Amino acid sequence: MIVWTEVEPQQFETYPPPTPLKGPDELDAVLEAVASGKTVEITLVDESVIRGRRLALGRRVKARGLTLQMRSHGNKLIARQAGPAAPAPEEPRPHPEQPRVPRKRKD
């Protein structure tokens, strides 16, 4: 349940303005290199962050319409472009001349 009240317009000005958007991310340069066909190696501070970086790279590259091949060993992650992302498979459509046959129920 939401509780709300009407306030004076001047109260809006007392709230802090929104924070500006972040600048370029450290992965942007990596994404550009991989998108241009280069193989890159990323050395991370700790092995525990490899999974997060791998997922972040995968999501951001997928948004660009590409796929990656990645491997890791210790605190190093290596990535290269695997080609364009596969299109989503289309659902087969029934032939318009054939009527749908309902399934028989098991008793």
PDB file of N, CA and C in Angstrom:
ATOM      1  N   MET A   1       0.842  -1.168   0.000  1.00  0.00           N
ATOM      2  CA  MET A   1       0.000   0.000   0.000  1.00  0.00           C
ATOM      3  C   MET A   1       0.895   1.242   0.000  1.00  0.00           C
ATOM      4  N   ILE A   2       0.521   2.228  -0.766  1.00  0.00           N
ATOM      5  CA  ILE A   2       1.277   3.474  -0.862  1.00  0.00           C
ATOM      6  C   ILE A   2       0.537   4.547  -0.092  1.00  0.00           C
ATOM      7  N   VAL A   3       1.272   5.245   0.751  1.00  0.00           N
ATOM      8  CA  VAL A   3       0.703   6.377   1.472  1.00  0.00           C
ATOM      9  C   VAL A   3       1.292   7.637   0.869  1.00  0.00           C
ATOM     10  N   TRP A   4       0.453   8.568   0.452  1.00  0.00           N
ATOM     11  CA  TRP A   4       0.953   9.782  -0.170  1.00  0.00           C
ATOM     12  C   TRP A   4       0.165  10.986   0.316  1.00  0.00           C
ATOM     13  N   THR A   5       0.829  12.126   0.231  1.00  0.00           N
ATOM     14  CA  THR A   5       0.189  13.379   0.601  1.00  0.00           C
ATOM     15  C   THR A   5       0.575  14.442  -0.411  1.00  0.00           C
ATOM     16  N   GLU A   6      -0.224  15.441  -0.510  1.00  0.00           N
ATOM     17  CA  GLU A   6       0.069  16.560  -1.397  1.00  0.00           C
ATOM     18  C   GLU A   6       0.942  17.548  -0.629  1.00  0.00           C
ATOM     19  N   VAL A   7       1.988  18.070  -1.292  1.00  0.00           N
ATOM     20  CA  VAL A   7       2.919  18.987  -0.639  1.00  0.00           C
ATOM     21  C   VAL A   7       3.035  20.272  -1.461  1.00  0.00           C
ATOM     22  N   GLU A   8       3.698  21.235  -0.887  1.00  0.00           N
ATOM     23  CA  GLU A   8       3.932  22.507  -1.567  1.00  0.00           C
ATOM     24  C   GLU A   8       4.978  22.325  -2.658  1.00  0.00           C
ATOM     25  N   PRO A   9       4.879  23.031  -3.779  1.00  0.00           N
ATOM     26  CA  PRO A   9       5.871  22.908  -4.856  1.00  0.00           C
ATOM     27  C   PRO A   9       7.287  23.268  -4.414  1.00  0.00           C
ATOM     28  N   GLN A  10       7.446  24.134  -3.427  1.00  0.00           N
ATOM     29  CA  GLN A  10       8.776  24.517  -2.960  1.00  0.00           C
ATOM     30  C   GLN A  10       9.505  23.350  -2.299  1.00  0.00           C
ATOM     31  N   GLN A  11       8.772  22.395  -1.787  1.00  0.00           N
ATOM     32  CA  GLN A  11       9.407  21.252  -1.126  1.00  0.00           C
ATOM     33  C   GLN A  11      10.174  20.395  -2.136  1.00  0.00           C
ATOM     34  N   PHE A  12       9.737  20.423  -3.391  1.00  0.00           N
ATOM     35  CA  PHE A  12      10.440  19.680  -4.433  1.00  0.00           C
ATOM     36  C   PHE A  12      11.876  20.168  -4.565  1.00  0.00           C
ATOM     37  N   GLU A  13      12.092  21.461  -4.446  1.00  0.00           N
ATOM     38  CA  GLU A  13      13.426  22.039  -4.592  1.00  0.00           C
ATOM     39  C   GLU A  13      14.342  21.667  -3.444  1.00  0.00           C
ATOM     40  N   THR A  14      13.801  21.233  -2.308  1.00  0.00           N
ATOM     41  CA  THR A  14      14.648  20.873  -1.168  1.00  0.00           C
ATOM     42  C   THR A  14      15.280  19.503  -1.322  1.00  0.00           C
ATOM     43  N   TYR A  15      14.761  18.688  -2.210  1.00  0.00           N
ATOM     44  CA  TYR A  15      15.326  17.363  -2.454  1.00  0.00           C
ATOM     45  C   TYR A  15      16.545  17.493  -3.367  1.00  0.00           C
ATOM     46  N   PRO A  16      17.578  16.653  -3.176  1.00  0.00           N
ATOM     47  CA  PRO A  16      18.777  16.763  -4.017  1.00  0.00           C
ATOM     48  C   PRO A  16      18.481  16.341  -5.453  1.00  0.00           C
ATOM     49  N   PRO A  17      19.175  16.959  -6.419  1.00  0.00           N
ATOM     50  CA  PRO A  17      18.970  16.572  -7.820  1.00  0.00           C
ATOM     51  C   PRO A  17      19.522  15.163  -8.068  1.00  0.00           C
ATOM     52  N   PRO A  18      19.069  14.503  -9.140  1.00  0.00           N
ATOM     53  CA  PRO A  18      19.572  13.156  -9.436  1.00  0.00           C
ATOM     54  C   PRO A  18      21.056  13.193  -9.774  1.00  0.00           C
ATOM     55  N   THR A  19      21.727  12.100  -9.470  1.00  0.00           N
ATOM     56  CA  THR A  19      23.154  12.020  -9.770  1.00  0.00           C
ATOM     57  C   THR A  19      23.342  11.855 -11.272  1.00  0.00           C
ATOM     58  N   PRO A  20      24.393  12.438 -11.830  1.00  0.00           N
ATOM     59  CA  PRO A  20      24.620  12.300 -13.275  1.00  0.00           C
ATOM     60  C   PRO A  20      24.983  10.855 -13.622  1.00  0.00           C
ATOM     61  N   LEU A  21      24.793  10.505 -14.885  1.00  0.00           N
ATOM     62  CA  LEU A  21      25.116   9.156 -15.346  1.00  0.00           C
ATOM     63  C   LEU A  21      26.607   8.904 -15.236  1.00  0.00           C
ATOM     64  N   LYS A  22      26.954   7.648 -15.078  1.00  0.00           N
ATOM     65  CA  LYS A  22      28.359   7.267 -14.994  1.00  0.00           C
ATOM     66  C   LYS A  22      29.059   7.501 -16.327  1.00  0.00           C
ATOM     67  N   GLY A  23      30.351   7.674 -16.243  1.00  0.00           N
ATOM     68  CA  GLY A  23      31.158   7.841 -17.442  1.00  0.00           C
ATOM     69  C   GLY A  23      31.396   6.498 -18.104  1.00  0.00           C
ATOM     70  N   PRO A  24      32.342   6.416 -19.023  1.00  0.00           N
ATOM     71  CA  PRO A  24      32.626   5.151 -19.694  1.00  0.00           C
ATOM     72  C   PRO A  24      33.113   4.098 -18.697  1.00  0.00           C
ATOM     73  N   ASP A  25      32.693   2.882 -18.907  1.00  0.00           N
ATOM     74  CA  ASP A  25      33.062   1.767 -18.042  1.00  0.00           C
ATOM     75  C   ASP A  25      34.417   1.217 -18.462  1.00  0.00           C
ATOM     76  N   GLU A  26      35.076   0.521 -17.538  1.00  0.00           N
ATOM     77  CA  GLU A  26      36.380  -0.062 -17.857  1.00  0.00           C
ATOM     78  C   GLU A  26      36.265  -1.194 -18.873  1.00  0.00           C
ATOM     79  N   LEU A  27      35.076  -1.744 -19.049  1.00  0.00           N
ATOM     80  CA  LEU A  27      34.889  -2.825 -20.015  1.00  0.00           C
ATOM     81  C   LEU A  27      34.643  -2.310 -21.428  1.00  0.00           C
ATOM     82  N   ASP A  28      34.404  -1.005 -21.591  1.00  0.00           N
ATOM     83  CA  ASP A  28      34.127  -0.466 -22.925  1.00  0.00           C
ATOM     84  C   ASP A  28      35.283  -0.709 -23.889  1.00  0.00           C
ATOM     85  N   ALA A  29      36.519  -0.496 -23.430  1.00  0.00           N
ATOM     86  CA  ALA A  29      37.679  -0.704 -24.299  1.00  0.00           C
ATOM     87  C   ALA A  29      37.813  -2.180 -24.669  1.00  0.00           C
ATOM     88  N   VAL A  30      37.510  -3.059 -23.715  1.00  0.00           N
ATOM     89  CA  VAL A  30      37.565  -4.498 -23.969  1.00  0.00           C
ATOM     90  C   VAL A  30      36.512  -4.872 -25.009  1.00  0.00           C
ATOM     91  N   LEU A  31      35.313  -4.329 -24.872  1.00  0.00           N
ATOM     92  CA  LEU A  31      34.237  -4.632 -25.811  1.00  0.00           C
ATOM     93  C   LEU A  31      34.577  -4.157 -27.218  1.00  0.00           C
ATOM     94  N   GLU A  32      35.175  -2.991 -27.324  1.00  0.00           N
ATOM     95  CA  GLU A  32      35.565  -2.484 -28.637  1.00  0.00           C
ATOM     96  C   GLU A  32      36.606  -3.389 -29.295  1.00  0.00           C
ATOM     97  N   ALA A  33      37.587  -3.845 -28.506  1.00  0.00           N
ATOM     98  CA  ALA A  33      38.633  -4.711 -29.051  1.00  0.00           C
ATOM     99  C   ALA A  33      38.055  -6.050 -29.507  1.00  0.00           C
ATOM    100  N   VAL A  34      37.186  -6.623 -28.692  1.00  0.00           N
ATOM    101  CA  VAL A  34      36.584  -7.912 -29.042  1.00  0.00           C
ATOM    102  C   VAL A  34      35.677  -7.759 -30.257  1.00  0.00           C
ATOM    103  N   ALA A  35      34.924  -6.662 -30.328  1.00  0.00           N
ATOM    104  CA  ALA A  35      34.033  -6.440 -31.464  1.00  0.00           C
ATOM    105  C   ALA A  35      34.810  -6.275 -32.767  1.00  0.00           C
ATOM    106  N   SER A  36      36.061  -5.803 -32.669  1.00  0.00           N
ATOM    107  CA  SER A  36      36.870  -5.651 -33.875  1.00  0.00           C
ATOM    108  C   SER A  36      37.604  -6.933 -34.252  1.00  0.00           C
ATOM    109  N   GLY A  37      37.369  -8.023 -33.500  1.00  0.00           N
ATOM    110  CA  GLY A  37      37.936  -9.313 -33.860  1.00  0.00           C
ATOM    111  C   GLY A  37      39.192  -9.694 -33.113  1.00  0.00           C
ATOM    112  N   LYS A  38      39.602  -8.916 -32.128  1.00  0.00           N
ATOM    113  CA  LYS A  38      40.818  -9.222 -31.383  1.00  0.00           C
ATOM    114  C   LYS A  38      40.521 -10.161 -30.231  1.00  0.00           C
ATOM    115  N   THR A  39      41.534 -10.920 -29.809  1.00  0.00           N
ATOM    116  CA  THR A  39      41.444 -11.758 -28.628  1.00  0.00           C
ATOM    117  C   THR A  39      42.089 -10.993 -27.487  1.00  0.00           C
ATOM    118  N   VAL A  40      41.388 -10.900 -26.352  1.00  0.00           N
ATOM    119  CA  VAL A  40      41.886 -10.112 -25.236  1.00  0.00           C
ATOM    120  C   VAL A  40      42.023 -10.966 -23.984  1.00  0.00           C
ATOM    121  N   GLU A  41      42.971 -10.586 -23.146  1.00  0.00           N
ATOM    122  CA  GLU A  41      43.166 -11.244 -21.849  1.00  0.00           C
ATOM    123  C   GLU A  41      42.968 -10.189 -20.772  1.00  0.00           C
ATOM    124  N   ILE A  42      42.123 -10.498 -19.803  1.00  0.00           N
ATOM    125  CA  ILE A  42      41.823  -9.587 -18.710  1.00  0.00           C
ATOM    126  C   ILE A  42      42.405 -10.188 -17.441  1.00  0.00           C
ATOM    127  N   THR A  43      43.259  -9.444 -16.771  1.00  0.00           N
ATOM    128  CA  THR A  43      43.811  -9.878 -15.495  1.00  0.00           C
ATOM    129  C   THR A  43      43.037  -9.183 -14.391  1.00  0.00           C
ATOM    130  N   LEU A  44      42.414  -9.958 -13.518  1.00  0.00           N
ATOM    131  CA  LEU A  44      41.592  -9.422 -12.441  1.00  0.00           C
ATOM    132  C   LEU A  44      42.349  -9.508 -11.119  1.00  0.00           C
ATOM    133  N   VAL A  45      41.951  -8.682 -10.177  1.00  0.00           N
ATOM    134  CA  VAL A  45      42.625  -8.625  -8.883  1.00  0.00           C
ATOM    135  C   VAL A  45      42.431  -9.923  -8.115  1.00  0.00           C
ATOM    136  N   ASP A  46      41.242 -10.495  -8.207  1.00  0.00           N
ATOM    137  CA  ASP A  46      40.904 -11.665  -7.398  1.00  0.00           C
ATOM    138  C   ASP A  46      40.112 -12.660  -8.247  1.00  0.00           C
ATOM    139  N   GLU A  47      40.301 -13.929  -7.974  1.00  0.00           N
ATOM    140  CA  GLU A  47      39.561 -14.969  -8.710  1.00  0.00           C
ATOM    141  C   GLU A  47      38.067 -14.915  -8.435  1.00  0.00           C
ATOM    142  N   SER A  48      37.672 -14.366  -7.302  1.00  0.00           N
ATOM    143  CA  SER A  48      36.263 -14.379  -6.929  1.00  0.00           C
ATOM    144  C   SER A  48      35.405 -13.470  -7.800  1.00  0.00           C
ATOM    145  N   VAL A  49      35.995 -12.548  -8.549  1.00  0.00           N
ATOM    146  CA  VAL A  49      35.213 -11.641  -9.396  1.00  0.00           C
ATOM    147  C   VAL A  49      35.152 -12.095 -10.850  1.00  0.00           C
ATOM    148  N   ILE A  50      35.783 -13.220 -11.171  1.00  0.00           N
ATOM    149  CA  ILE A  50      35.805 -13.684 -12.562  1.00  0.00           C
ATOM    150  C   ILE A  50      34.398 -13.987 -13.065  1.00  0.00           C
ATOM    151  N   ARG A  51      33.604 -14.659 -12.267  1.00  0.00           N
ATOM    152  CA  ARG A  51      32.260 -15.027 -12.714  1.00  0.00           C
ATOM    153  C   ARG A  51      31.432 -13.777 -13.023  1.00  0.00           C
ATOM    154  N   GLY A  52      31.503 -12.771 -12.170  1.00  0.00           N
ATOM    155  CA  GLY A  52      30.760 -11.543 -12.389  1.00  0.00           C
ATOM    156  C   GLY A  52      31.203 -10.815 -13.642  1.00  0.00           C
ATOM    157  N   ARG A  53      32.504 -10.747 -13.886  1.00  0.00           N
ATOM    158  CA  ARG A  53      33.015 -10.079 -15.087  1.00  0.00           C
ATOM    159  C   ARG A  53      32.648 -10.854 -16.342  1.00  0.00           C
ATOM    160  N   ARG A  54      32.683 -12.176 -16.250  1.00  0.00           N
ATOM    161  CA  ARG A  54      32.315 -12.999 -17.394  1.00  0.00           C
ATOM    162  C   ARG A  54      30.844 -12.781 -17.752  1.00  0.00           C
ATOM    163  N   LEU A  55      29.989 -12.736 -16.740  1.00  0.00           N
ATOM    164  CA  LEU A  55      28.562 -12.495 -16.991  1.00  0.00           C
ATOM    165  C   LEU A  55      28.328 -11.088 -17.532  1.00  0.00           C
ATOM    166  N   ALA A  56      29.031 -10.102 -16.977  1.00  0.00           N
ATOM    167  CA  ALA A  56      28.874  -8.726 -17.446  1.00  0.00           C
ATOM    168  C   ALA A  56      29.310  -8.592 -18.902  1.00  0.00           C
ATOM    169  N   LEU A  57      30.436  -9.190 -19.246  1.00  0.00           N
ATOM    170  CA  LEU A  57      30.903  -9.153 -20.632  1.00  0.00           C
ATOM    171  C   LEU A  57      29.902  -9.829 -21.560  1.00  0.00           C
ATOM    172  N   GLY A  58      29.419 -10.979 -21.156  1.00  0.00           N
ATOM    173  CA  GLY A  58      28.465 -11.718 -21.985  1.00  0.00           C
ATOM    174  C   GLY A  58      27.194 -10.939 -22.246  1.00  0.00           C
ATOM    175  N   ARG A  59      26.652 -10.299 -21.209  1.00  0.00           N
ATOM    176  CA  ARG A  59      25.422  -9.513 -21.377  1.00  0.00           C
ATOM    177  C   ARG A  59      25.640  -8.330 -22.309  1.00  0.00           C
ATOM    178  N   ARG A  60      26.733  -7.638 -22.112  1.00  0.00           N
ATOM    179  CA  ARG A  60      26.971  -6.423 -22.896  1.00  0.00           C
ATOM    180  C   ARG A  60      27.316  -6.746 -24.348  1.00  0.00           C
ATOM    181  N   VAL A  61      28.022  -7.830 -24.578  1.00  0.00           N
ATOM    182  CA  VAL A  61      28.341  -8.226 -25.950  1.00  0.00           C
ATOM    183  C   VAL A  61      27.079  -8.718 -26.646  1.00  0.00           C
ATOM    184  N   LYS A  62      26.233  -9.430 -25.922  1.00  0.00           N
ATOM    185  CA  LYS A  62      24.973  -9.922 -26.486  1.00  0.00           C
ATOM    186  C   LYS A  62      24.082  -8.756 -26.905  1.00  0.00           C
ATOM    187  N   ALA A  63      24.121  -7.666 -26.139  1.00  0.00           N
ATOM    188  CA  ALA A  63      23.339  -6.483 -26.483  1.00  0.00           C
ATOM    189  C   ALA A  63      23.827  -5.868 -27.796  1.00  0.00           C
ATOM    190  N   ARG A  64      25.086  -6.096 -28.141  1.00  0.00           N
ATOM    191  CA  ARG A  64      25.639  -5.611 -29.410  1.00  0.00           C
ATOM    192  C   ARG A  64      25.391  -6.591 -30.549  1.00  0.00           C
ATOM    193  N   GLY A  65      24.770  -7.725 -30.259  1.00  0.00           N
ATOM    194  CA  GLY A  65      24.465  -8.700 -31.292  1.00  0.00           C
ATOM    195  C   GLY A  65      25.601  -9.666 -31.575  1.00  0.00           C
ATOM    196  N   LEU A  66      26.541  -9.805 -30.649  1.00  0.00           N
ATOM    197  CA  LEU A  66      27.673 -10.708 -30.822  1.00  0.00           C
ATOM    198  C   LEU A  66      27.654 -11.783 -29.752  1.00  0.00           C
ATOM    199  N   THR A  67      28.493 -12.793 -29.927  1.00  0.00           N
ATOM    200  CA  THR A  67      28.700 -13.799 -28.886  1.00  0.00           C
ATOM    201  C   THR A  67      30.192 -13.926 -28.636  1.00  0.00           C
ATOM    202  N   LEU A  68      30.521 -14.361 -27.432  1.00  0.00           N
ATOM    203  CA  LEU A  68      31.921 -14.508 -27.036  1.00  0.00           C
ATOM    204  C   LEU A  68      32.235 -15.944 -26.706  1.00  0.00           C
ATOM    205  N   GLN A  69      33.501 -16.280 -26.880  1.00  0.00           N
ATOM    206  CA  GLN A  69      34.052 -17.502 -26.321  1.00  0.00           C
ATOM    207  C   GLN A  69      34.987 -17.040 -25.213  1.00  0.00           C
ATOM    208  N   MET A  70      34.797 -17.557 -24.004  1.00  0.00           N
ATOM    209  CA  MET A  70      35.611 -17.134 -22.871  1.00  0.00           C
ATOM    210  C   MET A  70      36.171 -18.340 -22.140  1.00  0.00           C
ATOM    211  N   ARG A  71      37.375 -18.160 -21.619  1.00  0.00           N
ATOM    212  CA  ARG A  71      38.026 -19.161 -20.783  1.00  0.00           C
ATOM    213  C   ARG A  71      38.737 -18.440 -19.661  1.00  0.00           C
ATOM    214  N   SER A  72      38.861 -19.127 -18.529  1.00  0.00           N
ATOM    215  CA  SER A  72      39.553 -18.504 -17.409  1.00  0.00           C
ATOM    216  C   SER A  72      40.511 -19.498 -16.773  1.00  0.00           C
ATOM    217  N   HIS A  73      41.555 -18.930 -16.199  1.00  0.00           N
ATOM    218  CA  HIS A  73      42.538 -19.731 -15.469  1.00  0.00           C
ATOM    219  C   HIS A  73      43.123 -18.836 -14.387  1.00  0.00           C
ATOM    220  N   GLY A  74      42.921 -19.225 -13.145  1.00  0.00           N
ATOM    221  CA  GLY A  74      43.403 -18.390 -12.052  1.00  0.00           C
ATOM    222  C   GLY A  74      42.649 -17.075 -12.040  1.00  0.00           C
ATOM    223  N   ASN A  75      43.401 -15.974 -12.040  1.00  0.00           N
ATOM    224  CA  ASN A  75      42.755 -14.660 -12.031  1.00  0.00           C
ATOM    225  C   ASN A  75      42.740 -14.015 -13.421  1.00  0.00           C
ATOM    226  N   LYS A  76      42.903 -14.815 -14.464  1.00  0.00           N
ATOM    227  CA  LYS A  76      42.916 -14.303 -15.831  1.00  0.00           C
ATOM    228  C   LYS A  76      41.722 -14.839 -16.606  1.00  0.00           C
ATOM    229  N   LEU A  77      41.191 -13.977 -17.449  1.00  0.00           N
ATOM    230  CA  LEU A  77      40.044 -14.304 -18.290  1.00  0.00           C
ATOM    231  C   LEU A  77      40.426 -13.925 -19.709  1.00  0.00           C
ATOM    232  N   ILE A  78      40.224 -14.852 -20.645  1.00  0.00           N
ATOM    233  CA  ILE A  78      40.549 -14.581 -22.046  1.00  0.00           C
ATOM    234  C   ILE A  78      39.257 -14.694 -22.850  1.00  0.00           C
ATOM    235  N   ALA A  79      39.089 -13.784 -23.807  1.00  0.00           N
ATOM    236  CA  ALA A  79      37.841 -13.744 -24.575  1.00  0.00           C
ATOM    237  C   ALA A  79      38.134 -13.436 -26.024  1.00  0.00           C
ATOM    238  N   ARG A  80      37.292 -14.008 -26.901  1.00  0.00           N
ATOM    239  CA  ARG A  80      37.351 -13.694 -28.323  1.00  0.00           C
ATOM    240  C   ARG A  80      35.948 -13.775 -28.886  1.00  0.00           C
ATOM    241  N   GLN A  81      35.775 -13.162 -30.041  1.00  0.00           N
ATOM    242  CA  GLN A  81      34.470 -13.133 -30.685  1.00  0.00           C
ATOM    243  C   GLN A  81      34.179 -14.490 -31.302  1.00  0.00           C
ATOM    244  N   ALA A  82      32.946 -14.965 -31.096  1.00  0.00           N
ATOM    245  CA  ALA A  82      32.556 -16.259 -31.639  1.00  0.00           C
ATOM    246  C   ALA A  82      31.683 -16.121 -32.872  1.00  0.00           C
ATOM    247  N   GLY A  83      31.403 -14.924 -33.311  1.00  0.00           N
ATOM    248  CA  GLY A  83      30.547 -14.713 -34.477  1.00  0.00           C
ATOM    249  C   GLY A  83      29.251 -14.062 -34.074  1.00  0.00           C
ATOM    250  N   PRO A  84      28.372 -13.819 -35.024  1.00  0.00           N
ATOM    251  CA  PRO A  84      27.104 -13.170 -34.697  1.00  0.00           C
ATOM    252  C   PRO A  84      26.223 -14.078 -33.850  1.00  0.00           C
ATOM    253  N   ALA A  85      25.388 -13.464 -33.038  1.00  0.00           N
ATOM    254  CA  ALA A  85      24.474 -14.220 -32.182  1.00  0.00           C
ATOM    255  C   ALA A  85      23.471 -14.969 -33.045  1.00  0.00           C
ATOM    256  N   ALA A  86      23.127 -16.166 -32.623  1.00  0.00           N
ATOM    257  CA  ALA A  86      22.154 -16.964 -33.367  1.00  0.00           C
ATOM    258  C   ALA A  86      20.770 -16.355 -33.195  1.00  0.00           C
ATOM    259  N   PRO A  87      20.004 -16.270 -34.255  1.00  0.00           N
ATOM    260  CA  PRO A  87      18.647 -15.724 -34.116  1.00  0.00           C
ATOM    261  C   PRO A  87      17.768 -16.688 -33.333  1.00  0.00           C
ATOM    262  N   ALA A  88      16.768 -16.157 -32.703  1.00  0.00           N
ATOM    263  CA  ALA A  88      15.845 -16.984 -31.934  1.00  0.00           C
ATOM    264  C   ALA A  88      15.106 -17.921 -32.887  1.00  0.00           C
ATOM    265  N   PRO A  89      14.949 -19.184 -32.518  1.00  0.00           N
ATOM    266  CA  PRO A  89      14.260 -20.114 -33.418  1.00  0.00           C
ATOM    267  C   PRO A  89      12.784 -19.754 -33.540  1.00  0.00           C
ATOM    268  N   GLU A  90      12.277 -19.868 -34.755  1.00  0.00           N
ATOM    269  CA  GLU A  90      10.863 -19.584 -34.980  1.00  0.00           C
ATOM    270  C   GLU A  90      10.033 -20.793 -34.567  1.00  0.00           C
ATOM    271  N   GLU A  91       8.857 -20.506 -34.048  1.00  0.00           N
ATOM    272  CA  GLU A  91       7.953 -21.584 -33.683  1.00  0.00           C
ATOM    273  C   GLU A  91       7.327 -22.142 -34.958  1.00  0.00           C
ATOM    274  N   PRO A  92       7.252 -23.449 -35.070  1.00  0.00           N
ATOM    275  CA  PRO A  92       6.622 -24.006 -36.273  1.00  0.00           C
ATOM    276  C   PRO A  92       5.130 -23.678 -36.284  1.00  0.00           C
ATOM    277  N   ARG A  93       4.649 -23.276 -37.432  1.00  0.00           N
ATOM    278  CA  ARG A  93       3.236 -22.936 -37.563  1.00  0.00           C
ATOM    279  C   ARG A  93       2.520 -24.092 -38.250  1.00  0.00           C
ATOM    280  N   PRO A  94       1.323 -24.398 -37.784  1.00  0.00           N
ATOM    281  CA  PRO A  94       0.585 -25.476 -38.444  1.00  0.00           C
ATOM    282  C   PRO A  94       0.195 -25.071 -39.853  1.00  0.00           C
ATOM    283  N   HIS A  95       0.164 -26.037 -40.701  1.00  0.00           N
ATOM    284  CA  HIS A  95      -0.218 -25.786 -42.089  1.00  0.00           C
ATOM    285  C   HIS A  95      -1.675 -25.340 -42.099  1.00  0.00           C
ATOM    286  N   PRO A  96      -2.019 -24.274 -42.838  1.00  0.00           N
ATOM    287  CA  PRO A  96      -3.386 -23.742 -42.794  1.00  0.00           C
ATOM    288  C   PRO A  96      -4.442 -24.697 -43.327  1.00  0.00           C
ATOM    289  N   GLU A  97      -4.069 -25.655 -44.169  1.00  0.00           N
ATOM    290  CA  GLU A  97      -5.063 -26.563 -44.738  1.00  0.00           C
ATOM    291  C   GLU A  97      -5.359 -27.729 -43.808  1.00  0.00           C
ATOM    292  N   GLN A  98      -4.500 -27.974 -42.839  1.00  0.00           N
ATOM    293  CA  GLN A  98      -4.711 -29.091 -41.926  1.00  0.00           C
ATOM    294  C   GLN A  98      -5.327 -28.584 -40.629  1.00  0.00           C
ATOM    295  N   PRO A  99      -6.502 -29.106 -40.257  1.00  0.00           N
ATOM    296  CA  PRO A  99      -7.103 -28.668 -38.987  1.00  0.00           C
ATOM    297  C   PRO A  99      -6.322 -29.254 -37.805  1.00  0.00           C
ATOM    298  N   ARG A 100      -6.348 -28.530 -36.718  1.00  0.00           N
ATOM    299  CA  ARG A 100      -5.686 -29.013 -35.510  1.00  0.00           C
ATOM    300  C   ARG A 100      -6.447 -30.195 -34.942  1.00  0.00           C
ATOM    301  N   VAL A 101      -5.721 -31.191 -34.553  1.00  0.00           N
ATOM    302  CA  VAL A 101      -6.320 -32.383 -33.955  1.00  0.00           C
ATOM    303  C   VAL A 101      -6.058 -32.316 -32.451  1.00  0.00           C
ATOM    304  N   PRO A 102      -7.111 -32.331 -31.619  1.00  0.00           N
ATOM    305  CA  PRO A 102      -6.878 -32.248 -30.176  1.00  0.00           C
ATOM    306  C   PRO A 102      -6.212 -33.533 -29.664  1.00  0.00           C
ATOM    307  N   ARG A 103      -5.453 -33.386 -28.629  1.00  0.00           N
ATOM    308  CA  ARG A 103      -4.788 -34.541 -28.014  1.00  0.00           C
ATOM    309  C   ARG A 103      -5.796 -35.385 -27.264  1.00  0.00           C
ATOM    310  N   LYS A 104      -5.503 -36.665 -27.205  1.00  0.00           N
ATOM    311  CA  LYS A 104      -6.370 -37.571 -26.435  1.00  0.00           C
ATOM    312  C   LYS A 104      -5.897 -37.575 -24.999  1.00  0.00           C
ATOM    313  N   ARG A 105      -6.827 -37.548 -24.079  1.00  0.00           N
ATOM    314  CA  ARG A 105      -6.499 -37.563 -22.666  1.00  0.00           C
ATOM    315  C   ARG A 105      -6.284 -38.983 -22.184  1.00  0.00           C
ATOM    316  N   LYS A 106      -5.365 -39.091 -21.243  1.00  0.00           N
ATOM    317  CA  LYS A 106      -5.155 -40.384 -20.599  1.00  0.00           C
ATOM    318  C   LYS A 106      -6.172 -40.516 -19.476  1.00  0.00           C
ATOM    319  N   ASP A 107      -6.782 -41.666 -19.369  1.00  0.00           N
ATOM    320  CA  ASP A 107      -7.790 -41.860 -18.312  1.00  0.00           C
ATOM    321  C   ASP A 107      -7.199 -42.500 -17.112  1.00  0.00           C
TER     322      ASP A 107
END
